[in-house]
Amino acid sequence: MTMAAPVPPVLKRRGKQDEEEEWMGYLAPEKLEVLAHLEPWAEAHVLPLLKPAEEAWQPSDLLPDPAALGDEGFHAACRELRARAAGVPDAHLVCLVGNMITEEALPTYQSVPNRFEAVRDLTGADATAWARWIRGWSAEENRHGDALSRYMYLSGRVDMRQVDRTVHLLIASGMAMNAARSPYHGFIYVAFQERATAISHGNTARHVGAHGDHVLARVCGAIMADEKRHEAAYTRIVGKLFEVDPDAAVRALGYMMRRRITMPAALMTDGQDADLYAHYAAAAQQTGVYTASDYRGILEHLIRQWRVEDLAAGLSGEGRRARDYVCGLPRKIRRMEEKAHDRAAQAQKKPTSVPFSWIFDRPVSVVIP
């Protein structure tokens, strides 16, 4: 899950047909064979990043469990939880709800890698390493929304019907992703998103802990740890593609960054606020849960991880242009951030009070870009 980010500059606009032909080339048999040949590698280097269900945390480990505590113990634990939750500011609560809604749209996200040619789970129970990873990753991700949803239900601070309605609408709306069938482009997308999600949950854990809610901080910290393992897996997969097919990998990275990493919850709506996602993103920016600078930082990190600047041998002219574009992009984004900051300072833009249905229409002051 990530928020809004600055629009990166493009080399030049290309026609829609040219753009489609560019990524459709990745569905050629020789490209898909690369992924097929990497299955034994995935078995050895990707699947071990999943945790067995017997060892994985579950939401009931982190939140009051009536079966374990009994009636009196459970009610006492809930009162303590509600007292701590009362100290979390509304702006952070909005970010938490937005993160939870994004996590709860898991059915959509599981369908994403199942679109990637050569790695998808064709039958729903394939024994390939790729299919087992998709199912195992989804199983681990499934706990995230459950844990956050249970916390919110117990906290009494959010309008659960409006939250549930937003989840319903988001899953029904789906999400759009560039080059959706290409495993090269798709794995780059998920690597970026997993790091963004880890950052968002980690920052939330830090902020709510500082406001005294150590139970929620623990929940968010557990989710962050999962996301970091998932980030490691997808970063490792793309790193292998850079190793075995550097020209195709760097061109795919350039393609994705020219069009931005599409945000998975960008179609979020509660049926009332037509600009809900933009308001949620503004709250995340203002609280420091996830910022435009984080977007740039993720790109800088991935460039280092995949050693993009060091690529030389085996690159086509198009590959060299993509490498140069990607490596120069963080500096351009930083300049855009500085200019935006200067414009905001000159304009002295004042915060806008935005009511959020998730928190019973209580207003939160945010600066709308």
Foldseek 3Di string as FASTA:
>chain_A
DAADADQFDDPDDDDPVVLVVLLVVCVPPVNLVVLVVCQVVCVVPQVVLFDPPVPADALCVLAQDCVVLPDVRSVVRLVVLLVLVVLADPLLVLLLLVLLLLLLLLVLVLVQVLLAPNQHDVPQDDPTSSPVSSVRLSVNSNRLSVNSLVSCVSNPQWDSVLSVLLSVVLNVVHFDFPSRHHPLLSLVLLLLVLVNLLLLLQLSLVRSVVSPNNSSSVSSNSVSVSSVSVNVSSLVVLLVCCVPPVQSNLLSVLSDSNRDNGDRRCVGDSVPDPCSSLVSSQSCCVSVSHHNVVSLVSLVVSCVSSVLVPDDPPHDPSSVVSSVSSVCRSVSSVVVVVVVVVVCVVVVQFWDWFFDNGRVGHTDTGGRD
